[in-house]
Amino acid sequence: MKNEIIIKVSGKHTIRKEISNVLTEDEMTRAIAPFSKENILSVKIISSDEVFILETGAFQDCRNLEKINLSKVEALEVSDGMLKGCMQLRKVSYPRNW
């Protein structure tokens, strides 16, 4: 199984991209192009790697991000400041075994 990110942006657009097991700020910016981070409403990550890494800045300043679904991630490593500026974040879903 590959690593995939599914992003819902304003205007009811859905973006599906194959990604590595490390989500950096640059990779996130490329994944959502031509939209900006401010357009992101929700994110779902699917990963079969041993560890999926969310680096600092991956979701930074996603001001309208409301939901993050990590329920299909086996193990996660996060960096400080990953959600800095996510003022509308209301729900984070994760696997029961965490």
PDB file of N, CA and C in Angstrom:
ATOM      1  N   MET A   1       0.839  -1.183   0.000  1.00  0.00           N
ATOM      2  CA  MET A   1       0.000   0.000   0.000  1.00  0.00           C
ATOM      3  C   MET A   1       0.883   1.246   0.000  1.00  0.00           C
ATOM      4  N   LYS A   2       0.514   2.215  -0.748  1.00  0.00           N
ATOM      5  CA  LYS A   2       1.266   3.456  -0.828  1.00  0.00           C
ATOM      6  C   LYS A   2       0.816   4.443   0.244  1.00  0.00           C
ATOM      7  N   ASN A   3       1.586   5.500   0.417  1.00  0.00           N
ATOM      8  CA  ASN A   3       1.190   6.596   1.297  1.00  0.00           C
ATOM      9  C   ASN A   3       0.402   7.586   0.462  1.00  0.00           C
ATOM     10  N   GLU A   4      -0.694   8.059   1.002  1.00  0.00           N
ATOM     11  CA  GLU A   4      -1.558   8.957   0.250  1.00  0.00           C
ATOM     12  C   GLU A   4      -2.105  10.040   1.170  1.00  0.00           C
ATOM     13  N   ILE A   5      -2.290  11.219   0.605  1.00  0.00           N
ATOM     14  CA  ILE A   5      -2.930  12.302   1.328  1.00  0.00           C
ATOM     15  C   ILE A   5      -4.158  12.717   0.525  1.00  0.00           C
ATOM     16  N   ILE A   6      -5.263  12.895   1.224  1.00  0.00           N
ATOM     17  CA  ILE A   6      -6.514  13.338   0.607  1.00  0.00           C
ATOM     18  C   ILE A   6      -6.869  14.662   1.262  1.00  0.00           C
ATOM     19  N   ILE A   7      -6.966  15.701   0.453  1.00  0.00           N
ATOM     20  CA  ILE A   7      -7.160  17.053   0.970  1.00  0.00           C
ATOM     21  C   ILE A   7      -8.431  17.636   0.372  1.00  0.00           C
ATOM     22  N   LYS A   8      -9.318  18.117   1.235  1.00  0.00           N
ATOM     23  CA  LYS A   8     -10.494  18.845   0.766  1.00  0.00           C
ATOM     24  C   LYS A   8     -10.205  20.326   0.917  1.00  0.00           C
ATOM     25  N   VAL A   9     -10.439  21.053  -0.171  1.00  0.00           N
ATOM     26  CA  VAL A   9     -10.197  22.499  -0.165  1.00  0.00           C
ATOM     27  C   VAL A   9     -11.494  23.224  -0.483  1.00  0.00           C
ATOM     28  N   SER A  10     -11.496  24.533  -0.240  1.00  0.00           N
ATOM     29  CA  SER A  10     -12.692  25.322  -0.494  1.00  0.00           C
ATOM     30  C   SER A  10     -13.133  25.170  -1.934  1.00  0.00           C
ATOM     31  N   GLY A  11     -14.434  25.302  -2.165  1.00  0.00           N
ATOM     32  CA  GLY A  11     -14.969  25.106  -3.495  1.00  0.00           C
ATOM     33  C   GLY A  11     -15.279  23.652  -3.778  1.00  0.00           C
ATOM     34  N   LYS A  12     -15.249  22.806  -2.750  1.00  0.00           N
ATOM     35  CA  LYS A  12     -15.576  21.376  -2.841  1.00  0.00           C
ATOM     36  C   LYS A  12     -14.617  20.592  -3.732  1.00  0.00           C
ATOM     37  N   HIS A  13     -13.395  21.024  -3.843  1.00  0.00           N
ATOM     38  CA  HIS A  13     -12.374  20.293  -4.585  1.00  0.00           C
ATOM     39  C   HIS A  13     -11.723  19.270  -3.654  1.00  0.00           C
ATOM     40  N   THR A  14     -11.366  18.112  -4.192  1.00  0.00           N
ATOM     41  CA  THR A  14     -10.634  17.100  -3.437  1.00  0.00           C
ATOM     42  C   THR A  14      -9.366  16.779  -4.197  1.00  0.00           C
ATOM     43  N   ILE A  15      -8.257  16.784  -3.466  1.00  0.00           N
ATOM     44  CA  ILE A  15      -6.950  16.489  -4.044  1.00  0.00           C
ATOM     45  C   ILE A  15      -6.456  15.187  -3.432  1.00  0.00           C
ATOM     46  N   ARG A  16      -6.029  14.240  -4.262  1.00  0.00           N
ATOM     47  CA  ARG A  16      -5.441  12.976  -3.808  1.00  0.00           C
ATOM     48  C   ARG A  16      -4.038  12.903  -4.384  1.00  0.00           C
ATOM     49  N   LYS A  17      -3.062  12.708  -3.514  1.00  0.00           N
ATOM     50  CA  LYS A  17      -1.674  12.637  -3.969  1.00  0.00           C
ATOM     51  C   LYS A  17      -0.955  11.513  -3.253  1.00  0.00           C
ATOM     52  N   GLU A  18      -0.071  10.847  -3.983  1.00  0.00           N
ATOM     53  CA  GLU A  18       0.839   9.892  -3.363  1.00  0.00           C
ATOM     54  C   GLU A  18       1.966  10.701  -2.742  1.00  0.00           C
ATOM     55  N   ILE A  19       2.349  10.348  -1.533  1.00  0.00           N
ATOM     56  CA  ILE A  19       3.386  11.100  -0.821  1.00  0.00           C
ATOM     57  C   ILE A  19       4.395  10.138  -0.198  1.00  0.00           C
ATOM     58  N   SER A  20       5.528  10.695   0.220  1.00  0.00           N
ATOM     59  CA  SER A  20       6.530   9.886   0.923  1.00  0.00           C
ATOM     60  C   SER A  20       6.065   9.687   2.363  1.00  0.00           C
ATOM     61  N   ASN A  21       6.895   9.060   3.179  1.00  0.00           N
ATOM     62  CA  ASN A  21       6.509   8.866   4.575  1.00  0.00           C
ATOM     63  C   ASN A  21       6.884  10.054   5.458  1.00  0.00           C
ATOM     64  N   VAL A  22       7.403  11.122   4.838  1.00  0.00           N
ATOM     65  CA  VAL A  22       7.717  12.355   5.568  1.00  0.00           C
ATOM     66  C   VAL A  22       6.997  13.500   4.867  1.00  0.00           C
ATOM     67  N   LEU A  23       6.043  14.127   5.574  1.00  0.00           N
ATOM     68  CA  LEU A  23       5.316  15.251   4.997  1.00  0.00           C
ATOM     69  C   LEU A  23       5.955  16.544   5.474  1.00  0.00           C
ATOM     70  N   THR A  24       6.625  17.216   4.564  1.00  0.00           N
ATOM     71  CA  THR A  24       7.290  18.480   4.864  1.00  0.00           C
ATOM     72  C   THR A  24       6.397  19.637   4.419  1.00  0.00           C
ATOM     73  N   GLU A  25       6.775  20.831   4.807  1.00  0.00           N
ATOM     74  CA  GLU A  25       6.032  22.012   4.380  1.00  0.00           C
ATOM     75  C   GLU A  25       6.060  22.148   2.854  1.00  0.00           C
ATOM     76  N   ASP A  26       7.225  21.916   2.239  1.00  0.00           N
ATOM     77  CA  ASP A  26       7.337  22.016   0.779  1.00  0.00           C
ATOM     78  C   ASP A  26       6.481  20.971   0.069  1.00  0.00           C
ATOM     79  N   GLU A  27       6.488  19.731   0.583  1.00  0.00           N
ATOM     80  CA  GLU A  27       5.692  18.687  -0.048  1.00  0.00           C
ATOM     81  C   GLU A  27       4.199  19.005   0.068  1.00  0.00           C
ATOM     82  N   MET A  28       3.779  19.549   1.209  1.00  0.00           N
ATOM     83  CA  MET A  28       2.383  19.921   1.396  1.00  0.00           C
ATOM     84  C   MET A  28       1.998  21.029   0.412  1.00  0.00           C
ATOM     85  N   THR A  29       2.862  22.017   0.242  1.00  0.00           N
ATOM     86  CA  THR A  29       2.599  23.118  -0.683  1.00  0.00           C
ATOM     87  C   THR A  29       2.465  22.594  -2.116  1.00  0.00           C
ATOM     88  N   ARG A  30       3.340  21.666  -2.507  1.00  0.00           N
ATOM     89  CA  ARG A  30       3.261  21.075  -3.854  1.00  0.00           C
ATOM     90  C   ARG A  30       1.985  20.240  -4.017  1.00  0.00           C
ATOM     91  N   ALA A  31       1.580  19.539  -2.963  1.00  0.00           N
ATOM     92  CA  ALA A  31       0.411  18.661  -3.032  1.00  0.00           C
ATOM     93  C   ALA A  31      -0.875  19.453  -3.269  1.00  0.00           C
ATOM     94  N   ILE A  32      -0.961  20.651  -2.722  1.00  0.00           N
ATOM     95  CA  ILE A  32      -2.206  21.412  -2.836  1.00  0.00           C
ATOM     96  C   ILE A  32      -2.220  22.417  -3.977  1.00  0.00           C
ATOM     97  N   ALA A  33      -1.103  22.577  -4.670  1.00  0.00           N
ATOM     98  CA  ALA A  33      -1.042  23.547  -5.770  1.00  0.00           C
ATOM     99  C   ALA A  33      -2.165  23.258  -6.764  1.00  0.00           C
ATOM    100  N   PRO A  34      -2.832  24.264  -7.252  1.00  0.00           N
ATOM    101  CA  PRO A  34      -2.593  25.702  -7.189  1.00  0.00           C
ATOM    102  C   PRO A  34      -3.256  26.392  -6.004  1.00  0.00           C
ATOM    103  N   PHE A  35      -3.806  25.631  -5.050  1.00  0.00           N
ATOM    104  CA  PHE A  35      -4.449  26.235  -3.885  1.00  0.00           C
ATOM    105  C   PHE A  35      -3.401  26.637  -2.852  1.00  0.00           C
ATOM    106  N   SER A  36      -3.804  27.477  -1.916  1.00  0.00           N
ATOM    107  CA  SER A  36      -2.908  27.842  -0.821  1.00  0.00           C
ATOM    108  C   SER A  36      -3.339  27.097   0.439  1.00  0.00           C
ATOM    109  N   LYS A  37      -2.503  27.119   1.452  1.00  0.00           N
ATOM    110  CA  LYS A  37      -2.823  26.447   2.712  1.00  0.00           C
ATOM    111  C   LYS A  37      -4.108  26.986   3.334  1.00  0.00           C
ATOM    112  N   GLU A  38      -4.425  28.226   3.088  1.00  0.00           N
ATOM    113  CA  GLU A  38      -5.643  28.822   3.642  1.00  0.00           C
ATOM    114  C   GLU A  38      -6.902  28.186   3.059  1.00  0.00           C
ATOM    115  N   ASN A  39      -6.804  27.506   1.923  1.00  0.00           N
ATOM    116  CA  ASN A  39      -7.951  26.857   1.284  1.00  0.00           C
ATOM    117  C   ASN A  39      -8.247  25.469   1.847  1.00  0.00           C
ATOM    118  N   ILE A  40      -7.355  24.911   2.657  1.00  0.00           N
ATOM    119  CA  ILE A  40      -7.511  23.541   3.153  1.00  0.00           C
ATOM    120  C   ILE A  40      -8.588  23.486   4.236  1.00  0.00           C
ATOM    121  N   LEU A  41      -9.548  22.562   4.042  1.00  0.00           N
ATOM    122  CA  LEU A  41     -10.616  22.371   5.017  1.00  0.00           C
ATOM    123  C   LEU A  41     -10.431  21.089   5.832  1.00  0.00           C
ATOM    124  N   SER A  42      -9.971  20.010   5.181  1.00  0.00           N
ATOM    125  CA  SER A  42      -9.739  18.765   5.901  1.00  0.00           C
ATOM    126  C   SER A  42      -8.641  17.960   5.218  1.00  0.00           C
ATOM    127  N   VAL A  43      -8.012  17.087   6.014  1.00  0.00           N
ATOM    128  CA  VAL A  43      -6.903  16.265   5.527  1.00  0.00           C
ATOM    129  C   VAL A  43      -7.071  14.851   6.071  1.00  0.00           C
ATOM    130  N   LYS A  44      -6.844  13.858   5.200  1.00  0.00           N
ATOM    131  CA  LYS A  44      -6.797  12.460   5.615  1.00  0.00           C
ATOM    132  C   LYS A  44      -5.495  11.884   5.086  1.00  0.00           C
ATOM    133  N   ILE A  45      -4.766  11.196   5.955  1.00  0.00           N
ATOM    134  CA  ILE A  45      -3.505  10.580   5.562  1.00  0.00           C
ATOM    135  C   ILE A  45      -3.632   9.070   5.709  1.00  0.00           C
ATOM    136  N   ILE A  46      -3.192   8.357   4.675  1.00  0.00           N
ATOM    137  CA  ILE A  46      -3.197   6.897   4.683  1.00  0.00           C
ATOM    138  C   ILE A  46      -1.748   6.461   4.510  1.00  0.00           C
ATOM    139  N   SER A  47      -1.251   5.679   5.459  1.00  0.00           N
ATOM    140  CA  SER A  47       0.153   5.270   5.407  1.00  0.00           C
ATOM    141  C   SER A  47       0.319   3.855   5.921  1.00  0.00           C
ATOM    142  N   SER A  48       1.112   3.076   5.193  1.00  0.00           N
ATOM    143  CA  SER A  48       1.420   1.717   5.635  1.00  0.00           C
ATOM    144  C   SER A  48       2.867   1.603   6.104  1.00  0.00           C
ATOM    145  N   ASP A  49       3.599   2.721   6.088  1.00  0.00           N
ATOM    146  CA  ASP A  49       4.983   2.698   6.564  1.00  0.00           C
ATOM    147  C   ASP A  49       5.022   2.469   8.068  1.00  0.00           C
ATOM    148  N   GLU A  50       6.166   2.013   8.549  1.00  0.00           N
ATOM    149  CA  GLU A  50       6.308   1.800   9.990  1.00  0.00           C
ATOM    150  C   GLU A  50       6.068   3.085  10.762  1.00  0.00           C
ATOM    151  N   VAL A  51       6.619   4.192  10.266  1.00  0.00           N
ATOM    152  CA  VAL A  51       6.425   5.488  10.919  1.00  0.00           C
ATOM    153  C   VAL A  51       6.166   6.544   9.846  1.00  0.00           C
ATOM    154  N   PHE A  52       5.126   7.319  10.049  1.00  0.00           N
ATOM    155  CA  PHE A  52       4.836   8.451   9.174  1.00  0.00           C
ATOM    156  C   PHE A  52       5.216   9.710   9.942  1.00  0.00           C
ATOM    157  N   ILE A  53       5.922  10.632   9.295  1.00  0.00           N
ATOM    158  CA  ILE A  53       6.456  11.811   9.980  1.00  0.00           C
ATOM    159  C   ILE A  53       5.799  13.077   9.434  1.00  0.00           C
ATOM    160  N   LEU A  54       5.265  13.876  10.348  1.00  0.00           N
ATOM    161  CA  LEU A  54       4.737  15.198  10.007  1.00  0.00           C
ATOM    162  C   LEU A  54       5.724  16.222  10.534  1.00  0.00           C
ATOM    163  N   GLU A  55       6.398  16.899   9.627  1.00  0.00           N
ATOM    164  CA  GLU A  55       7.432  17.858  10.023  1.00  0.00           C
ATOM    165  C   GLU A  55       6.845  19.216  10.364  1.00  0.00           C
ATOM    166  N   THR A  56       7.642  20.017  11.070  1.00  0.00           N
ATOM    167  CA  THR A  56       7.264  21.373  11.412  1.00  0.00           C
ATOM    168  C   THR A  56       6.864  22.112  10.147  1.00  0.00           C
ATOM    169  N   GLY A  57       5.726  22.781  10.201  1.00  0.00           N
ATOM    170  CA  GLY A  57       5.268  23.571   9.067  1.00  0.00           C
ATOM    171  C   GLY A  57       4.352  22.832   8.114  1.00  0.00           C
ATOM    172  N   ALA A  58       4.191  21.512   8.276  1.00  0.00           N
ATOM    173  CA  ALA A  58       3.353  20.751   7.341  1.00  0.00           C
ATOM    174  C   ALA A  58       1.942  21.326   7.266  1.00  0.00           C
ATOM    175  N   PHE A  59       1.376  21.682   8.393  1.00  0.00           N
ATOM    176  CA  PHE A  59       0.032  22.266   8.420  1.00  0.00           C
ATOM    177  C   PHE A  59       0.030  23.680   8.992  1.00  0.00           C
ATOM    178  N   GLN A  60       1.194  24.238   9.192  1.00  0.00           N
ATOM    179  CA  GLN A  60       1.287  25.579   9.783  1.00  0.00           C
ATOM    180  C   GLN A  60       0.526  26.597   8.934  1.00  0.00           C
ATOM    181  N   ASP A  61      -0.253  27.427   9.608  1.00  0.00           N
ATOM    182  CA  ASP A  61      -1.041  28.497   8.983  1.00  0.00           C
ATOM    183  C   ASP A  61      -2.138  28.000   8.053  1.00  0.00           C
ATOM    184  N   CYS A  62      -2.615  26.783   8.266  1.00  0.00           N
ATOM    185  CA  CYS A  62      -3.808  26.300   7.554  1.00  0.00           C
ATOM    186  C   CYS A  62      -5.004  26.816   8.357  1.00  0.00           C
ATOM    187  N   ARG A  63      -5.264  28.086   8.230  1.00  0.00           N
ATOM    188  CA  ARG A  63      -6.231  28.793   9.081  1.00  0.00           C
ATOM    189  C   ARG A  63      -7.643  28.229   9.051  1.00  0.00           C
ATOM    190  N   ASN A  64      -8.052  27.606   7.967  1.00  0.00           N
ATOM    191  CA  ASN A  64      -9.413  27.085   7.838  1.00  0.00           C
ATOM    192  C   ASN A  64      -9.502  25.573   7.992  1.00  0.00           C
ATOM    193  N   LEU A  65      -8.382  24.929   8.332  1.00  0.00           N
ATOM    194  CA  LEU A  65      -8.361  23.480   8.535  1.00  0.00           C
ATOM    195  C   LEU A  65      -9.226  23.124   9.738  1.00  0.00           C
ATOM    196  N   GLU A  66     -10.238  22.287   9.504  1.00  0.00           N
ATOM    197  CA  GLU A  66     -11.167  21.895  10.566  1.00  0.00           C
ATOM    198  C   GLU A  66     -10.935  20.476  11.080  1.00  0.00           C
ATOM    199  N   LYS A  67     -10.488  19.560  10.191  1.00  0.00           N
ATOM    200  CA  LYS A  67     -10.362  18.147  10.571  1.00  0.00           C
ATOM    201  C   LYS A  67      -9.095  17.534  10.001  1.00  0.00           C
ATOM    202  N   ILE A  68      -8.468  16.691  10.818  1.00  0.00           N
ATOM    203  CA  ILE A  68      -7.345  15.870  10.365  1.00  0.00           C
ATOM    204  C   ILE A  68      -7.679  14.431  10.734  1.00  0.00           C
ATOM    205  N   ASN A  69      -7.618  13.542   9.752  1.00  0.00           N
ATOM    206  CA  ASN A  69      -7.911  12.137   9.982  1.00  0.00           C
ATOM    207  C   ASN A  69      -6.620  11.344   9.819  1.00  0.00           C
ATOM    208  N   LEU A  70      -6.148  10.794  10.935  1.00  0.00           N
ATOM    209  CA  LEU A  70      -4.926   9.984  10.952  1.00  0.00           C
ATOM    210  C   LEU A  70      -5.245   8.529  11.300  1.00  0.00           C
ATOM    211  N   SER A  71      -6.510   8.137  11.184  1.00  0.00           N
ATOM    212  CA  SER A  71      -6.934   6.805  11.611  1.00  0.00           C
ATOM    213  C   SER A  71      -6.340   5.677  10.778  1.00  0.00           C
ATOM    214  N   LYS A  72      -5.776   5.980   9.619  1.00  0.00           N
ATOM    215  CA  LYS A  72      -5.155   4.963   8.760  1.00  0.00           C
ATOM    216  C   LYS A  72      -3.626   5.086   8.766  1.00  0.00           C
ATOM    217  N   VAL A  73      -3.073   5.575   9.878  1.00  0.00           N
ATOM    218  CA  VAL A  73      -1.628   5.710  10.047  1.00  0.00           C
ATOM    219  C   VAL A  73      -1.216   4.779  11.182  1.00  0.00           C
ATOM    220  N   GLU A  74      -0.254   3.890  10.918  1.00  0.00           N
ATOM    221  CA  GLU A  74       0.170   2.916  11.924  1.00  0.00           C
ATOM    222  C   GLU A  74       0.909   3.569  13.087  1.00  0.00           C
ATOM    223  N   ALA A  75       1.902   4.379  12.793  1.00  0.00           N
ATOM    224  CA  ALA A  75       2.686   5.060  13.819  1.00  0.00           C
ATOM    225  C   ALA A  75       3.035   6.450  13.290  1.00  0.00           C
ATOM    226  N   LEU A  76       3.021   7.426  14.170  1.00  0.00           N
ATOM    227  CA  LEU A  76       3.194   8.810  13.750  1.00  0.00           C
ATOM    228  C   LEU A  76       4.252   9.502  14.589  1.00  0.00           C
ATOM    229  N   GLU A  77       5.071  10.284  13.928  1.00  0.00           N
ATOM    230  CA  GLU A  77       6.035  11.147  14.607  1.00  0.00           C
ATOM    231  C   GLU A  77       5.718  12.570  14.181  1.00  0.00           C
ATOM    232  N   VAL A  78       5.522  13.455  15.157  1.00  0.00           N
ATOM    233  CA  VAL A  78       5.186  14.844  14.840  1.00  0.00           C
ATOM    234  C   VAL A  78       6.259  15.775  15.372  1.00  0.00           C
ATOM    235  N   SER A  79       6.352  16.930  14.749  1.00  0.00           N
ATOM    236  CA  SER A  79       7.317  17.945  15.154  1.00  0.00           C
ATOM    237  C   SER A  79       6.595  19.098  15.839  1.00  0.00           C
ATOM    238  N   ASP A  80       7.311  19.826  16.667  1.00  0.00           N
ATOM    239  CA  ASP A  80       6.752  21.004  17.321  1.00  0.00           C
ATOM    240  C   ASP A  80       6.257  21.987  16.274  1.00  0.00           C
ATOM    241  N   GLY A  81       5.166  22.656  16.554  1.00  0.00           N
ATOM    242  CA  GLY A  81       4.663  23.686  15.668  1.00  0.00           C
ATOM    243  C   GLY A  81       3.931  23.177  14.452  1.00  0.00           C
ATOM    244  N   MET A  82       3.672  21.877  14.398  1.00  0.00           N
ATOM    245  CA  MET A  82       3.031  21.301  13.219  1.00  0.00           C
ATOM    246  C   MET A  82       1.667  21.929  12.954  1.00  0.00           C
ATOM    247  N   LEU A  83       0.922  22.271  13.999  1.00  0.00           N
ATOM    248  CA  LEU A  83      -0.424  22.816  13.845  1.00  0.00           C
ATOM    249  C   LEU A  83      -0.512  24.303  14.194  1.00  0.00           C
ATOM    250  N   LYS A  84       0.608  24.968  14.279  1.00  0.00           N
ATOM    251  CA  LYS A  84       0.627  26.388  14.621  1.00  0.00           C
ATOM    252  C   LYS A  84      -0.183  27.187  13.592  1.00  0.00           C
ATOM    253  N   GLY A  85      -1.106  27.985  14.082  1.00  0.00           N
ATOM    254  CA  GLY A  85      -1.916  28.825  13.202  1.00  0.00           C
ATOM    255  C   GLY A  85      -3.157  28.146  12.658  1.00  0.00           C
ATOM    256  N   CYS A  86      -3.454  26.928  13.115  1.00  0.00           N
ATOM    257  CA  CYS A  86      -4.663  26.209  12.672  1.00  0.00           C
ATOM    258  C   CYS A  86      -5.813  26.598  13.603  1.00  0.00           C
ATOM    259  N   MET A  87      -6.330  27.772  13.411  1.00  0.00           N
ATOM    260  CA  MET A  87      -7.308  28.358  14.328  1.00  0.00           C
ATOM    261  C   MET A  87      -8.683  27.684  14.310  1.00  0.00           C
ATOM    262  N   GLN A  88      -9.052  27.022  13.221  1.00  0.00           N
ATOM    263  CA  GLN A  88     -10.380  26.401  13.100  1.00  0.00           C
ATOM    264  C   GLN A  88     -10.373  24.892  13.371  1.00  0.00           C
ATOM    265  N   LEU A  89      -9.221  24.331  13.752  1.00  0.00           N
ATOM    266  CA  LEU A  89      -9.119  22.887  13.960  1.00  0.00           C
ATOM    267  C   LEU A  89     -10.040  22.458  15.101  1.00  0.00           C
ATOM    268  N   ARG A  90     -10.927  21.532  14.785  1.00  0.00           N
ATOM    269  CA  ARG A  90     -11.913  21.070  15.758  1.00  0.00           C
ATOM    270  C   ARG A  90     -11.840  19.568  16.036  1.00  0.00           C
ATOM    271  N   LYS A  91     -11.263  18.801  15.097  1.00  0.00           N
ATOM    272  CA  LYS A  91     -11.268  17.353  15.268  1.00  0.00           C
ATOM    273  C   LYS A  91     -10.015  16.712  14.698  1.00  0.00           C
ATOM    274  N   VAL A  92      -9.410  15.824  15.492  1.00  0.00           N
ATOM    275  CA  VAL A  92      -8.281  15.010  15.035  1.00  0.00           C
ATOM    276  C   VAL A  92      -8.668  13.561  15.315  1.00  0.00           C
ATOM    277  N   SER A  93      -8.748  12.741  14.267  1.00  0.00           N
ATOM    278  CA  SER A  93      -9.086  11.319  14.406  1.00  0.00           C
ATOM    279  C   SER A  93      -7.796  10.512  14.343  1.00  0.00           C
ATOM    280  N   TYR A  94      -7.696   9.488  15.194  1.00  0.00           N
ATOM    281  CA  TYR A  94      -6.494   8.662  15.253  1.00  0.00           C
ATOM    282  C   TYR A  94      -6.900   7.217  15.549  1.00  0.00           C
ATOM    283  N   PRO A  95      -5.999   6.265  15.292  1.00  0.00           N
ATOM    284  CA  PRO A  95      -6.325   4.843  15.526  1.00  0.00           C
ATOM    285  C   PRO A  95      -6.596   4.552  16.996  1.00  0.00           C
ATOM    286  N   ARG A  96      -7.433   3.587  17.241  1.00  0.00           N
ATOM    287  CA  ARG A  96      -7.771   3.203  18.617  1.00  0.00           C
ATOM    288  C   ARG A  96      -6.567   2.686  19.405  1.00  0.00           C
ATOM    289  N   ASN A  97      -5.590   2.091  18.708  1.00  0.00           N
ATOM    290  CA  ASN A  97      -4.448   1.495  19.405  1.00  0.00           C
ATOM    291  C   ASN A  97      -3.381   2.506  19.812  1.00  0.00           C
ATOM    292  N   TRP A  98      -3.607   3.788  19.590  1.00  0.00           N
ATOM    293  CA  TRP A  98      -2.618   4.790  20.014  1.00  0.00           C
ATOM    294  C   TRP A  98      -2.764   5.060  21.473  1.00  0.00           C
TER     295      TRP A  98
END
